[in-house]
Amino acid sequence: MNILLIIIIVVAIVLAIVGGMGQALSWLLWVALIVGVIALIALLFRLISGSRRT
């Protein structure tokens, strides 16, 4: 899961460099929202899985 997040961040940086600053900021905001939601889901999944195992 961490490797996927790193790949998404690298793609966002590449888009920031290639796409121009105005469009890049918009892309980075969307990518940040998506990464935040994925991280929240992963955290909740780990908490739920951990509580089941104990």
N, C-alpha and C. Protein backbone atom coordinates (compact mmCIF):
# COMPACT_ATOMS: atom_id res chain seq x y z
N MET A 1 0.83 -1.20 0.00
CA MET A 1 0.00 0.00 0.00
C MET A 1 0.87 1.25 0.00
N ASN A 2 1.96 1.22 0.75
CA ASN A 2 2.85 2.39 0.80
C ASN A 2 3.51 2.65 -0.54
N ILE A 3 3.84 1.58 -1.27
CA ILE A 3 4.46 1.75 -2.58
C ILE A 3 3.48 2.44 -3.54
N LEU A 4 2.22 2.08 -3.47
CA LEU A 4 1.19 2.71 -4.31
C LEU A 4 1.08 4.20 -4.01
N LEU A 5 1.11 4.56 -2.73
CA LEU A 5 1.03 5.97 -2.36
C LEU A 5 2.24 6.74 -2.87
N ILE A 6 3.43 6.14 -2.79
CA ILE A 6 4.64 6.79 -3.30
C ILE A 6 4.53 7.01 -4.80
N ILE A 7 4.01 6.01 -5.53
CA ILE A 7 3.86 6.15 -6.98
C ILE A 7 2.89 7.28 -7.30
N ILE A 8 1.79 7.37 -6.56
CA ILE A 8 0.81 8.45 -6.80
C ILE A 8 1.45 9.81 -6.55
N ILE A 9 2.25 9.93 -5.49
CA ILE A 9 2.91 11.20 -5.19
C ILE A 9 3.90 11.57 -6.28
N VAL A 10 4.66 10.59 -6.77
CA VAL A 10 5.63 10.86 -7.85
C VAL A 10 4.90 11.32 -9.11
N VAL A 11 3.79 10.68 -9.44
CA VAL A 11 3.01 11.09 -10.61
C VAL A 11 2.50 12.52 -10.43
N ALA A 12 2.06 12.86 -9.22
CA ALA A 12 1.59 14.22 -8.96
C ALA A 12 2.71 15.24 -9.14
N ILE A 13 3.92 14.90 -8.70
CA ILE A 13 5.05 15.82 -8.87
C ILE A 13 5.39 15.98 -10.34
N VAL A 14 5.37 14.88 -11.10
CA VAL A 14 5.64 14.96 -12.53
C VAL A 14 4.60 15.83 -13.22
N LEU A 15 3.33 15.67 -12.85
CA LEU A 15 2.28 16.52 -13.42
C LEU A 15 2.50 17.98 -13.05
N ALA A 16 3.00 18.23 -11.83
CA ALA A 16 3.25 19.60 -11.40
C ALA A 16 4.35 20.23 -12.26
N ILE A 17 5.37 19.46 -12.58
CA ILE A 17 6.48 20.00 -13.37
C ILE A 17 6.06 20.19 -14.83
N VAL A 18 5.33 19.21 -15.39
CA VAL A 18 5.01 19.24 -16.81
C VAL A 18 3.82 20.15 -17.11
N GLY A 19 2.81 20.15 -16.25
CA GLY A 19 1.53 20.74 -16.59
C GLY A 19 1.38 22.23 -16.34
N GLY A 20 2.38 22.88 -15.80
CA GLY A 20 2.23 24.29 -15.46
C GLY A 20 1.70 24.44 -14.05
N MET A 21 2.01 25.58 -13.43
CA MET A 21 1.73 25.72 -12.00
C MET A 21 0.24 25.79 -11.68
N GLY A 22 -0.56 26.51 -12.45
CA GLY A 22 -1.99 26.62 -12.15
C GLY A 22 -2.70 25.29 -12.23
N GLN A 23 -2.49 24.58 -13.33
CA GLN A 23 -3.11 23.27 -13.51
C GLN A 23 -2.51 22.27 -12.53
N ALA A 24 -1.22 22.41 -12.26
CA ALA A 24 -0.56 21.47 -11.35
C ALA A 24 -1.12 21.60 -9.94
N LEU A 25 -1.38 22.82 -9.49
CA LEU A 25 -1.94 22.98 -8.15
C LEU A 25 -3.32 22.33 -8.06
N SER A 26 -4.10 22.45 -9.10
CA SER A 26 -5.40 21.79 -9.12
C SER A 26 -5.24 20.27 -9.06
N TRP A 27 -4.34 19.74 -9.88
CA TRP A 27 -4.09 18.30 -9.88
C TRP A 27 -3.59 17.85 -8.52
N LEU A 28 -2.68 18.62 -7.92
CA LEU A 28 -2.12 18.23 -6.63
C LEU A 28 -3.19 18.24 -5.54
N LEU A 29 -4.11 19.20 -5.62
CA LEU A 29 -5.20 19.22 -4.64
C LEU A 29 -6.06 17.96 -4.77
N TRP A 30 -6.41 17.60 -6.00
CA TRP A 30 -7.22 16.39 -6.19
C TRP A 30 -6.46 15.15 -5.76
N VAL A 31 -5.18 15.06 -6.12
CA VAL A 31 -4.37 13.90 -5.74
C VAL A 31 -4.24 13.84 -4.22
N ALA A 32 -4.05 15.00 -3.57
CA ALA A 32 -3.95 15.02 -2.12
C ALA A 32 -5.25 14.52 -1.47
N LEU A 33 -6.39 14.94 -2.01
CA LEU A 33 -7.66 14.46 -1.48
C LEU A 33 -7.80 12.94 -1.65
N ILE A 34 -7.44 12.45 -2.83
CA ILE A 34 -7.56 11.02 -3.10
C ILE A 34 -6.62 10.23 -2.19
N VAL A 35 -5.36 10.70 -2.06
CA VAL A 35 -4.39 10.01 -1.20
C VAL A 35 -4.87 10.04 0.25
N GLY A 36 -5.45 11.16 0.68
CA GLY A 36 -5.96 11.25 2.04
C GLY A 36 -7.08 10.26 2.29
N VAL A 37 -7.99 10.13 1.34
CA VAL A 37 -9.09 9.17 1.49
C VAL A 37 -8.56 7.74 1.51
N ILE A 38 -7.61 7.43 0.63
CA ILE A 38 -7.02 6.08 0.61
C ILE A 38 -6.31 5.79 1.92
N ALA A 39 -5.57 6.77 2.44
CA ALA A 39 -4.87 6.57 3.71
C ALA A 39 -5.86 6.36 4.86
N LEU A 40 -6.95 7.11 4.86
CA LEU A 40 -7.98 6.95 5.89
C LEU A 40 -8.61 5.57 5.83
N ILE A 41 -8.92 5.11 4.62
CA ILE A 41 -9.50 3.77 4.46
C ILE A 41 -8.51 2.71 4.93
N ALA A 42 -7.22 2.87 4.58
CA ALA A 42 -6.21 1.90 5.00
C ALA A 42 -6.09 1.89 6.53
N LEU A 43 -6.10 3.07 7.15
CA LEU A 43 -6.02 3.15 8.60
C LEU A 43 -7.22 2.46 9.26
N LEU A 44 -8.43 2.75 8.76
CA LEU A 44 -9.62 2.11 9.31
C LEU A 44 -9.58 0.60 9.12
N PHE A 45 -9.10 0.15 7.96
CA PHE A 45 -9.01 -1.28 7.69
C PHE A 45 -8.04 -1.95 8.66
N ARG A 46 -6.89 -1.28 8.93
CA ARG A 46 -5.94 -1.85 9.88
C ARG A 46 -6.51 -1.88 11.29
N LEU A 47 -7.22 -0.84 11.68
CA LEU A 47 -7.82 -0.83 13.02
C LEU A 47 -8.87 -1.93 13.17
N ILE A 48 -9.71 -2.09 12.14
CA ILE A 48 -10.74 -3.13 12.20
C ILE A 48 -10.10 -4.52 12.19
N SER A 49 -9.10 -4.73 11.35
CA SER A 49 -8.42 -6.02 11.29
C SER A 49 -7.71 -6.32 12.60
N GLY A 50 -7.06 -5.32 13.16
CA GLY A 50 -6.34 -5.51 14.41
C GLY A 50 -7.26 -5.86 15.55
N SER A 51 -8.43 -5.24 15.61
CA SER A 51 -9.35 -5.52 16.71
C SER A 51 -9.97 -6.91 16.57
N ARG A 52 -10.07 -7.41 15.34
CA ARG A 52 -10.60 -8.76 15.15
C ARG A 52 -9.61 -9.82 15.57
N ARG A 53 -8.32 -9.55 15.36
CA ARG A 53 -7.29 -10.55 15.65
C ARG A 53 -7.04 -10.69 17.15
N THR A 54 -7.31 -9.67 17.92
CA THR A 54 -7.00 -9.75 19.35
C THR A 54 -8.13 -10.39 20.12
